[in-house]
């Protein structure tokens, strides 16, 4: 009887012991986050933009930083809306461990603009849009600036 009890306890212990595997989901690549951010711009989804924009401590929608994050995103939305966007890739030589500089091509109303995006790696291991050079996007609502022959447009 004791033998059965010991064998039963051992069998139960063996069956109940399981190896837990931890699925490590790699952080989304900076380009994928920039693409998702531009989709949120196209959808006029400021809440989603706030989840994809922030600093090393995390998304602005979660951290509440900067304190005027919603107003900033409204301005970013005004500058970037109304077109199609695609990420061209990392700018050479701009990569650091916790930062990436991407070029996003924005096409609207016949204009093609290349906009630098600075991406930051959070302490949690996710990439976020951190800064956007809105000057490169042009003034919202204004037609494309045409360069005259013989000028570099710079």
N, C-alpha and C. Protein backbone atom coordinates (compact mmCIF):
# COMPACT_ATOMS: atom_id res chain seq x y z
N UNK A 1 0.82 -1.18 0.00
CA UNK A 1 0.00 0.00 0.00
C UNK A 1 0.87 1.25 0.00
N UNK A 2 1.93 1.24 0.87
CA UNK A 2 2.81 2.39 0.94
C UNK A 2 3.51 2.58 -0.40
N UNK A 3 3.86 1.46 -1.07
CA UNK A 3 4.56 1.54 -2.34
C UNK A 3 3.68 2.21 -3.38
N UNK A 4 2.40 1.82 -3.40
CA UNK A 4 1.46 2.43 -4.34
C UNK A 4 1.32 3.93 -4.07
N UNK A 5 1.24 4.29 -2.82
CA UNK A 5 1.09 5.69 -2.43
C UNK A 5 2.31 6.51 -2.86
N UNK A 6 3.50 5.97 -2.64
CA UNK A 6 4.73 6.66 -3.03
C UNK A 6 4.81 6.75 -4.54
N UNK A 7 4.52 5.65 -5.26
CA UNK A 7 4.54 5.68 -6.72
C UNK A 7 3.51 6.64 -7.28
N UNK A 8 2.34 6.68 -6.66
CA UNK A 8 1.29 7.60 -7.10
C UNK A 8 1.71 9.05 -6.89
N UNK A 9 2.34 9.33 -5.75
CA UNK A 9 2.81 10.69 -5.47
C UNK A 9 3.90 11.08 -6.46
N UNK A 10 4.83 10.15 -6.75
CA UNK A 10 5.87 10.43 -7.73
C UNK A 10 5.30 10.66 -9.13
N UNK A 11 4.32 9.86 -9.51
CA UNK A 11 3.70 10.01 -10.83
C UNK A 11 2.98 11.35 -10.92
N UNK A 12 2.28 11.71 -9.84
CA UNK A 12 1.57 12.98 -9.82
C UNK A 12 2.55 14.15 -9.89
N UNK A 13 3.65 14.06 -9.16
CA UNK A 13 4.66 15.11 -9.19
C UNK A 13 5.29 15.21 -10.58
N UNK A 14 5.55 14.08 -11.20
CA UNK A 14 6.15 14.10 -12.53
C UNK A 14 5.20 14.70 -13.55
N UNK A 15 3.92 14.39 -13.43
CA UNK A 15 2.95 14.92 -14.39
C UNK A 15 2.67 16.40 -14.17
N UNK A 16 2.74 16.83 -12.93
CA UNK A 16 2.39 18.22 -12.67
C UNK A 16 3.57 19.17 -12.89
N UNK A 17 4.76 18.60 -13.02
CA UNK A 17 5.92 19.45 -13.29
C UNK A 17 6.00 19.69 -14.78
N UNK A 18 5.97 20.93 -15.15
CA UNK A 18 6.09 21.23 -16.57
C UNK A 18 7.08 22.36 -16.74
N UNK A 19 7.71 22.33 -17.85
CA UNK A 19 8.68 23.36 -18.16
C UNK A 19 7.94 24.51 -18.82
N UNK A 20 8.07 25.69 -18.26
CA UNK A 20 7.41 26.86 -18.82
C UNK A 20 8.36 27.49 -19.83
N UNK A 21 7.88 27.64 -21.02
CA UNK A 21 8.70 28.32 -22.01
C UNK A 21 8.23 29.76 -22.10
N UNK A 22 9.17 30.63 -22.19
CA UNK A 22 8.85 32.04 -22.28
C UNK A 22 8.97 32.44 -23.74
N UNK A 23 7.86 32.87 -24.30
CA UNK A 23 7.88 33.35 -25.68
C UNK A 23 8.36 34.79 -25.67
N UNK A 24 9.50 35.02 -26.25
CA UNK A 24 10.05 36.36 -26.33
C UNK A 24 9.63 36.95 -27.67
N UNK A 25 8.80 37.97 -27.58
CA UNK A 25 8.36 38.65 -28.79
C UNK A 25 9.31 39.82 -29.01
N UNK A 26 10.04 39.80 -30.12
CA UNK A 26 10.99 40.89 -30.34
C UNK A 26 10.23 42.21 -30.52
N UNK A 27 10.85 43.27 -30.06
CA UNK A 27 10.24 44.59 -30.23
C UNK A 27 10.07 44.87 -31.71
N UNK A 28 8.96 45.50 -32.02
CA UNK A 28 8.70 45.83 -33.42
C UNK A 28 9.83 46.71 -33.94
N UNK A 29 10.22 46.47 -35.15
CA UNK A 29 11.29 47.24 -35.77
C UNK A 29 10.86 48.70 -35.86
N UNK A 30 11.82 49.62 -35.79
CA UNK A 30 11.49 51.04 -35.87
C UNK A 30 10.65 51.38 -37.11
N UNK A 31 10.96 50.78 -38.25
CA UNK A 31 10.20 51.07 -39.47
C UNK A 31 8.74 50.65 -39.34
N UNK A 32 8.48 49.52 -38.68
CA UNK A 32 7.11 49.05 -38.50
C UNK A 32 6.33 50.01 -37.59
N UNK A 33 6.99 50.54 -36.58
CA UNK A 33 6.34 51.48 -35.68
C UNK A 33 6.04 52.79 -36.41
N UNK A 34 7.00 53.27 -37.21
CA UNK A 34 6.77 54.50 -37.99
C UNK A 34 5.62 54.30 -38.98
N UNK A 35 5.54 53.14 -39.60
CA UNK A 35 4.44 52.84 -40.51
C UNK A 35 3.11 52.84 -39.78
N UNK A 36 3.07 52.21 -38.61
CA UNK A 36 1.84 52.19 -37.81
C UNK A 36 1.46 53.59 -37.35
N UNK A 37 2.45 54.42 -37.02
CA UNK A 37 2.19 55.80 -36.62
C UNK A 37 1.56 56.57 -37.77
N UNK A 38 2.11 56.41 -38.97
CA UNK A 38 1.57 57.12 -40.13
C UNK A 38 0.17 56.60 -40.49
N UNK A 39 -0.12 55.33 -40.22
CA UNK A 39 -1.47 54.81 -40.42
C UNK A 39 -2.43 55.45 -39.43
N UNK A 40 -1.97 55.64 -38.19
CA UNK A 40 -2.80 56.31 -37.19
C UNK A 40 -3.06 57.76 -37.59
N UNK A 41 -2.06 58.42 -38.20
CA UNK A 41 -2.26 59.77 -38.73
C UNK A 41 -3.34 59.74 -39.81
N UNK A 42 -3.23 58.81 -40.74
CA UNK A 42 -4.21 58.70 -41.83
C UNK A 42 -5.61 58.44 -41.30
N UNK A 43 -5.70 57.69 -40.20
CA UNK A 43 -6.99 57.37 -39.59
C UNK A 43 -7.48 58.46 -38.64
N UNK A 44 -6.69 59.52 -38.46
CA UNK A 44 -6.99 60.59 -37.49
C UNK A 44 -7.20 60.01 -36.09
N UNK A 45 -6.39 59.03 -35.74
CA UNK A 45 -6.51 58.34 -34.46
C UNK A 45 -5.43 58.85 -33.51
N UNK A 46 -5.74 59.95 -32.81
CA UNK A 46 -4.77 60.55 -31.89
C UNK A 46 -4.43 59.62 -30.73
N UNK A 47 -5.39 58.81 -30.30
CA UNK A 47 -5.12 57.87 -29.21
C UNK A 47 -4.05 56.87 -29.63
N UNK A 48 -4.18 56.32 -30.83
CA UNK A 48 -3.17 55.37 -31.32
C UNK A 48 -1.83 56.07 -31.53
N UNK A 49 -1.86 57.30 -32.03
CA UNK A 49 -0.63 58.06 -32.20
C UNK A 49 0.07 58.21 -30.85
N UNK A 50 -0.70 58.45 -29.80
CA UNK A 50 -0.14 58.60 -28.45
C UNK A 50 0.46 57.33 -27.90
N UNK A 51 0.03 56.18 -28.42
CA UNK A 51 0.61 54.90 -28.01
C UNK A 51 1.91 54.61 -28.76
N UNK A 52 2.12 55.30 -29.88
CA UNK A 52 3.29 55.05 -30.72
C UNK A 52 4.31 56.18 -30.67
N UNK A 53 4.03 57.22 -29.90
CA UNK A 53 4.90 58.40 -29.80
C UNK A 53 5.23 58.63 -28.33
N UNK A 54 6.48 58.90 -28.04
CA UNK A 54 6.86 59.15 -26.65
C UNK A 54 8.35 59.20 -26.47
N UNK A 55 8.80 58.84 -25.29
CA UNK A 55 10.22 58.89 -24.95
C UNK A 55 10.70 57.57 -24.41
N UNK A 56 11.90 57.57 -23.85
CA UNK A 56 12.50 56.33 -23.37
C UNK A 56 11.73 55.71 -22.20
N UNK A 57 10.91 56.51 -21.52
CA UNK A 57 10.11 55.97 -20.41
C UNK A 57 8.84 55.29 -20.87
N UNK A 58 8.45 55.52 -22.14
CA UNK A 58 7.26 54.86 -22.68
C UNK A 58 6.41 55.79 -23.50
N UNK A 59 5.27 55.28 -23.98
CA UNK A 59 4.37 56.08 -24.81
C UNK A 59 3.79 57.28 -24.06
N UNK A 60 3.60 58.37 -24.78
CA UNK A 60 3.04 59.58 -24.17
C UNK A 60 1.66 59.32 -23.57
N UNK A 61 0.86 58.47 -24.23
CA UNK A 61 -0.48 58.18 -23.73
C UNK A 61 -0.43 57.46 -22.39
N UNK A 62 0.63 56.75 -22.12
CA UNK A 62 0.78 56.01 -20.86
C UNK A 62 1.46 56.86 -19.79
N UNK A 63 2.55 57.53 -20.16
CA UNK A 63 3.33 58.29 -19.19
C UNK A 63 2.76 59.69 -18.93
N UNK A 64 1.98 60.20 -19.89
CA UNK A 64 1.46 61.56 -19.76
C UNK A 64 2.52 62.62 -20.00
N UNK A 65 3.65 62.19 -20.56
CA UNK A 65 4.76 63.11 -20.81
C UNK A 65 5.04 63.23 -22.30
N UNK A 66 5.29 64.40 -22.79
CA UNK A 66 5.24 65.67 -22.08
C UNK A 66 3.79 66.01 -21.70
N UNK A 67 3.65 66.98 -20.81
CA UNK A 67 2.31 67.27 -20.27
C UNK A 67 1.33 67.72 -21.35
N UNK A 68 1.82 68.30 -22.43
CA UNK A 68 0.95 68.75 -23.52
C UNK A 68 1.01 67.80 -24.72
N UNK A 69 1.15 66.53 -24.46
CA UNK A 69 1.35 65.55 -25.52
C UNK A 69 0.19 65.51 -26.51
N UNK A 70 -1.03 65.66 -26.04
CA UNK A 70 -2.17 65.60 -26.95
C UNK A 70 -2.18 66.78 -27.91
N UNK A 71 -1.82 67.96 -27.42
CA UNK A 71 -1.74 69.14 -28.29
C UNK A 71 -0.62 68.95 -29.33
N UNK A 72 0.50 68.42 -28.89
CA UNK A 72 1.60 68.18 -29.82
C UNK A 72 1.21 67.21 -30.92
N UNK A 73 0.48 66.16 -30.53
CA UNK A 73 0.05 65.19 -31.54
C UNK A 73 -0.97 65.81 -32.50
N UNK A 74 -1.79 66.73 -32.03
CA UNK A 74 -2.73 67.42 -32.91
C UNK A 74 -1.97 68.23 -33.96
N UNK A 75 -0.88 68.87 -33.56
CA UNK A 75 -0.06 69.63 -34.50
C UNK A 75 0.63 68.68 -35.48
N UNK A 76 1.20 67.59 -34.97
CA UNK A 76 1.85 66.60 -35.84
C UNK A 76 0.83 66.09 -36.85
N UNK A 77 -0.38 65.78 -36.39
CA UNK A 77 -1.43 65.29 -37.28
C UNK A 77 -1.73 66.31 -38.37
N UNK A 78 -1.82 67.59 -38.01
CA UNK A 78 -2.12 68.64 -38.99
C UNK A 78 -1.04 68.70 -40.08
N UNK A 79 0.21 68.51 -39.70
CA UNK A 79 1.31 68.58 -40.66
C UNK A 79 1.42 67.33 -41.54
N UNK A 80 1.02 66.18 -41.03
CA UNK A 80 1.26 64.93 -41.76
C UNK A 80 0.04 64.32 -42.43
N UNK A 81 -1.15 64.85 -42.17
CA UNK A 81 -2.37 64.22 -42.70
C UNK A 81 -2.54 64.51 -44.20
N UNK A 82 -3.42 63.71 -44.80
CA UNK A 82 -3.85 63.96 -46.16
C UNK A 82 -2.95 63.44 -47.25
N UNK A 83 -2.19 62.43 -46.98
CA UNK A 83 -1.33 61.88 -48.02
C UNK A 83 -1.06 60.42 -47.78
N UNK A 84 -0.16 59.89 -48.56
CA UNK A 84 0.29 58.52 -48.36
C UNK A 84 1.74 58.57 -47.89
N UNK A 85 2.09 57.61 -47.09
CA UNK A 85 3.43 57.60 -46.52
C UNK A 85 4.05 56.22 -46.65
N UNK A 86 5.36 56.23 -46.79
CA UNK A 86 6.10 54.97 -46.74
C UNK A 86 7.46 55.25 -46.13
N UNK A 87 7.92 54.28 -45.37
CA UNK A 87 9.23 54.39 -44.73
C UNK A 87 10.27 53.97 -45.74
N UNK A 88 11.22 54.87 -45.99
CA UNK A 88 12.29 54.57 -46.94
C UNK A 88 13.42 53.79 -46.28
N UNK A 89 13.60 53.99 -44.97
CA UNK A 89 14.62 53.23 -44.26
C UNK A 89 15.44 54.09 -43.34
N UNK A 90 16.41 53.42 -42.71
CA UNK A 90 17.31 54.10 -41.79
C UNK A 90 18.23 55.04 -42.55
N UNK A 91 18.55 56.15 -41.93
CA UNK A 91 19.54 57.05 -42.51
C UNK A 91 20.91 56.51 -42.14
N UNK A 92 21.80 56.35 -43.10
CA UNK A 92 23.11 55.78 -42.82
C UNK A 92 23.87 56.59 -41.77
N UNK A 93 24.51 55.89 -40.88
CA UNK A 93 25.33 56.54 -39.87
C UNK A 93 24.57 57.15 -38.72
N UNK A 94 23.25 57.03 -38.73
CA UNK A 94 22.45 57.67 -37.69
C UNK A 94 22.04 56.70 -36.59
N UNK A 95 22.41 55.43 -36.70
CA UNK A 95 21.97 54.43 -35.74
C UNK A 95 22.80 54.48 -34.46
N UNK A 96 22.12 54.39 -33.35
CA UNK A 96 22.73 54.22 -32.03
C UNK A 96 21.99 53.07 -31.38
N UNK A 97 22.46 52.63 -30.23
CA UNK A 97 21.80 51.51 -29.57
C UNK A 97 20.33 51.78 -29.27
N UNK A 98 20.04 53.00 -28.79
CA UNK A 98 18.68 53.30 -28.36
C UNK A 98 17.96 54.31 -29.25
N UNK A 99 18.54 54.65 -30.39
CA UNK A 99 17.94 55.62 -31.31
C UNK A 99 18.16 55.19 -32.76
N UNK A 100 17.20 55.50 -33.58
CA UNK A 100 17.30 55.29 -35.03
C UNK A 100 16.73 56.53 -35.71
N UNK A 101 17.31 56.90 -36.81
CA UNK A 101 16.81 58.00 -37.61
C UNK A 101 16.30 57.41 -38.92
N UNK A 102 15.00 57.55 -39.16
CA UNK A 102 14.37 57.01 -40.36
C UNK A 102 13.97 58.14 -41.30
N UNK A 103 13.84 57.81 -42.56
CA UNK A 103 13.28 58.74 -43.52
C UNK A 103 11.92 58.21 -43.93
N UNK A 104 10.90 59.07 -43.79
CA UNK A 104 9.54 58.72 -44.19
C UNK A 104 9.18 59.60 -45.38
N UNK A 105 8.74 58.97 -46.46
CA UNK A 105 8.34 59.72 -47.64
C UNK A 105 6.84 59.97 -47.56
N UNK A 106 6.46 61.25 -47.62
CA UNK A 106 5.06 61.66 -47.57
C UNK A 106 4.69 62.24 -48.94
N UNK A 107 3.67 61.68 -49.56
CA UNK A 107 3.20 62.15 -50.86
C UNK A 107 1.78 62.64 -50.70
N UNK A 108 1.56 63.91 -51.08
CA UNK A 108 0.20 64.47 -51.06
C UNK A 108 0.13 65.62 -52.04
N UNK A 109 -0.98 65.69 -52.74
CA UNK A 109 -1.25 66.74 -53.72
C UNK A 109 -0.08 66.97 -54.68
N UNK A 110 0.51 65.89 -55.14
CA UNK A 110 1.61 65.99 -56.09
C UNK A 110 2.96 66.31 -55.48
N UNK A 111 3.02 66.56 -54.20
CA UNK A 111 4.28 66.85 -53.51
C UNK A 111 4.84 65.58 -52.89
N UNK A 112 6.14 65.44 -52.95
CA UNK A 112 6.82 64.33 -52.29
C UNK A 112 7.83 64.95 -51.34
N UNK A 113 7.67 64.66 -50.07
CA UNK A 113 8.56 65.19 -49.03
C UNK A 113 9.22 64.03 -48.31
N UNK A 114 10.47 64.20 -47.94
CA UNK A 114 11.17 63.22 -47.12
C UNK A 114 11.34 63.80 -45.73
N UNK A 115 10.77 63.11 -44.76
CA UNK A 115 10.69 63.62 -43.40
C UNK A 115 11.50 62.75 -42.46
N UNK A 116 12.46 63.34 -41.74
CA UNK A 116 13.22 62.58 -40.76
C UNK A 116 12.39 62.28 -39.50
N UNK A 117 12.38 61.04 -39.10
CA UNK A 117 11.74 60.58 -37.87
C UNK A 117 12.85 60.07 -36.95
N UNK A 118 12.88 60.51 -35.71
CA UNK A 118 13.78 59.94 -34.71
C UNK A 118 12.99 58.93 -33.89
N UNK A 119 13.49 57.72 -33.85
CA UNK A 119 12.86 56.64 -33.09
C UNK A 119 13.69 56.39 -31.83
N UNK A 120 13.01 56.05 -30.73
CA UNK A 120 13.71 55.80 -29.47
C UNK A 120 13.29 54.43 -28.94
N UNK A 121 14.23 53.74 -28.33
CA UNK A 121 13.96 52.46 -27.70
C UNK A 121 13.61 52.71 -26.25
N UNK A 122 12.45 52.22 -25.81
CA UNK A 122 12.02 52.44 -24.43
C UNK A 122 12.74 51.49 -23.49
N UNK A 123 12.62 51.77 -22.21
CA UNK A 123 13.21 50.89 -21.19
C UNK A 123 12.55 49.51 -21.21
N UNK A 124 11.32 49.45 -21.74
CA UNK A 124 10.61 48.17 -21.83
C UNK A 124 10.98 47.39 -23.09
N UNK A 125 11.80 48.00 -23.97
CA UNK A 125 12.26 47.30 -25.16
C UNK A 125 11.43 47.52 -26.41
N UNK A 126 10.55 48.51 -26.41
CA UNK A 126 9.72 48.82 -27.58
C UNK A 126 10.23 50.09 -28.25
N UNK A 127 10.05 50.17 -29.55
CA UNK A 127 10.42 51.37 -30.29
C UNK A 127 9.24 52.31 -30.36
N UNK A 128 9.52 53.61 -30.25
CA UNK A 128 8.50 54.65 -30.38
C UNK A 128 9.00 55.76 -31.27
N UNK A 129 8.07 56.46 -31.91
CA UNK A 129 8.42 57.70 -32.60
C UNK A 129 8.71 58.71 -31.50
N UNK A 130 9.85 59.38 -31.59
CA UNK A 130 10.23 60.34 -30.56
C UNK A 130 10.21 61.77 -31.06
N UNK A 131 10.64 61.99 -32.29
CA UNK A 131 10.68 63.34 -32.85
C UNK A 131 10.50 63.26 -34.36
N UNK A 132 9.84 64.29 -34.91
CA UNK A 132 9.58 64.37 -36.34
C UNK A 132 9.97 65.78 -36.78
N UNK A 133 10.73 65.88 -37.86
CA UNK A 133 11.10 67.19 -38.39
C UNK A 133 9.93 67.70 -39.24
N UNK A 134 9.01 68.42 -38.60
CA UNK A 134 7.81 68.90 -39.29
C UNK A 134 8.13 69.95 -40.34
N UNK A 135 9.25 70.64 -40.22
CA UNK A 135 9.64 71.61 -41.25
C UNK A 135 9.80 70.93 -42.60
N UNK A 136 10.27 69.70 -42.59
CA UNK A 136 10.47 68.96 -43.83
C UNK A 136 9.14 68.56 -44.48
N UNK A 137 8.06 68.56 -43.70
CA UNK A 137 6.75 68.17 -44.23
C UNK A 137 6.08 69.29 -45.02
N UNK A 138 6.55 70.52 -44.85
CA UNK A 138 5.91 71.64 -45.52
C UNK A 138 4.76 72.18 -44.67
N UNK A 139 4.26 73.33 -45.07
CA UNK A 139 3.19 73.99 -44.32
C UNK A 139 1.85 73.36 -44.69
N UNK A 140 1.06 72.95 -43.69
CA UNK A 140 -0.24 72.33 -44.00
C UNK A 140 -1.12 73.27 -44.82
N UNK A 141 -1.76 72.72 -45.84
CA UNK A 141 -2.69 73.48 -46.64
C UNK A 141 -2.07 74.32 -47.76
N UNK A 142 -0.78 74.47 -47.75
CA UNK A 142 -0.11 75.22 -48.82
C UNK A 142 0.26 74.29 -49.95
N UNK A 143 0.17 74.81 -51.18
CA UNK A 143 0.58 73.96 -52.30
C UNK A 143 2.09 73.72 -52.27
N UNK A 144 2.48 72.75 -53.04
CA UNK A 144 3.90 72.40 -53.13
C UNK A 144 4.71 73.58 -53.60
N UNK A 145 5.85 73.77 -53.00
CA UNK A 145 6.75 74.83 -53.45
C UNK A 145 7.48 74.31 -54.68
N UNK A 146 7.36 75.06 -55.75
CA UNK A 146 8.02 74.68 -57.00
C UNK A 146 9.38 75.32 -57.04
N UNK A 147 10.39 74.55 -57.41
CA UNK A 147 11.70 75.16 -57.58
C UNK A 147 11.85 75.56 -59.04
N UNK A 148 12.47 76.70 -59.24
CA UNK A 148 12.67 77.18 -60.59
C UNK A 148 13.93 76.56 -61.17
N UNK A 149 13.99 76.44 -62.50
CA UNK A 149 15.18 75.84 -63.11
C UNK A 149 16.43 76.58 -62.69
N UNK A 150 17.46 75.81 -62.39
CA UNK A 150 18.73 76.39 -62.01
C UNK A 150 18.89 76.58 -60.52
N UNK A 151 17.83 76.28 -59.73
CA UNK A 151 17.97 76.37 -58.27
C UNK A 151 18.00 74.96 -57.71
N UNK A 152 18.65 74.84 -56.62
CA UNK A 152 18.78 73.52 -56.02
C UNK A 152 17.60 73.18 -55.15
N UNK A 153 16.80 74.18 -54.74
CA UNK A 153 15.67 73.93 -53.87
C UNK A 153 16.06 73.73 -52.43
N UNK A 154 17.31 74.00 -52.10
CA UNK A 154 17.77 73.80 -50.73
C UNK A 154 17.60 75.08 -49.94
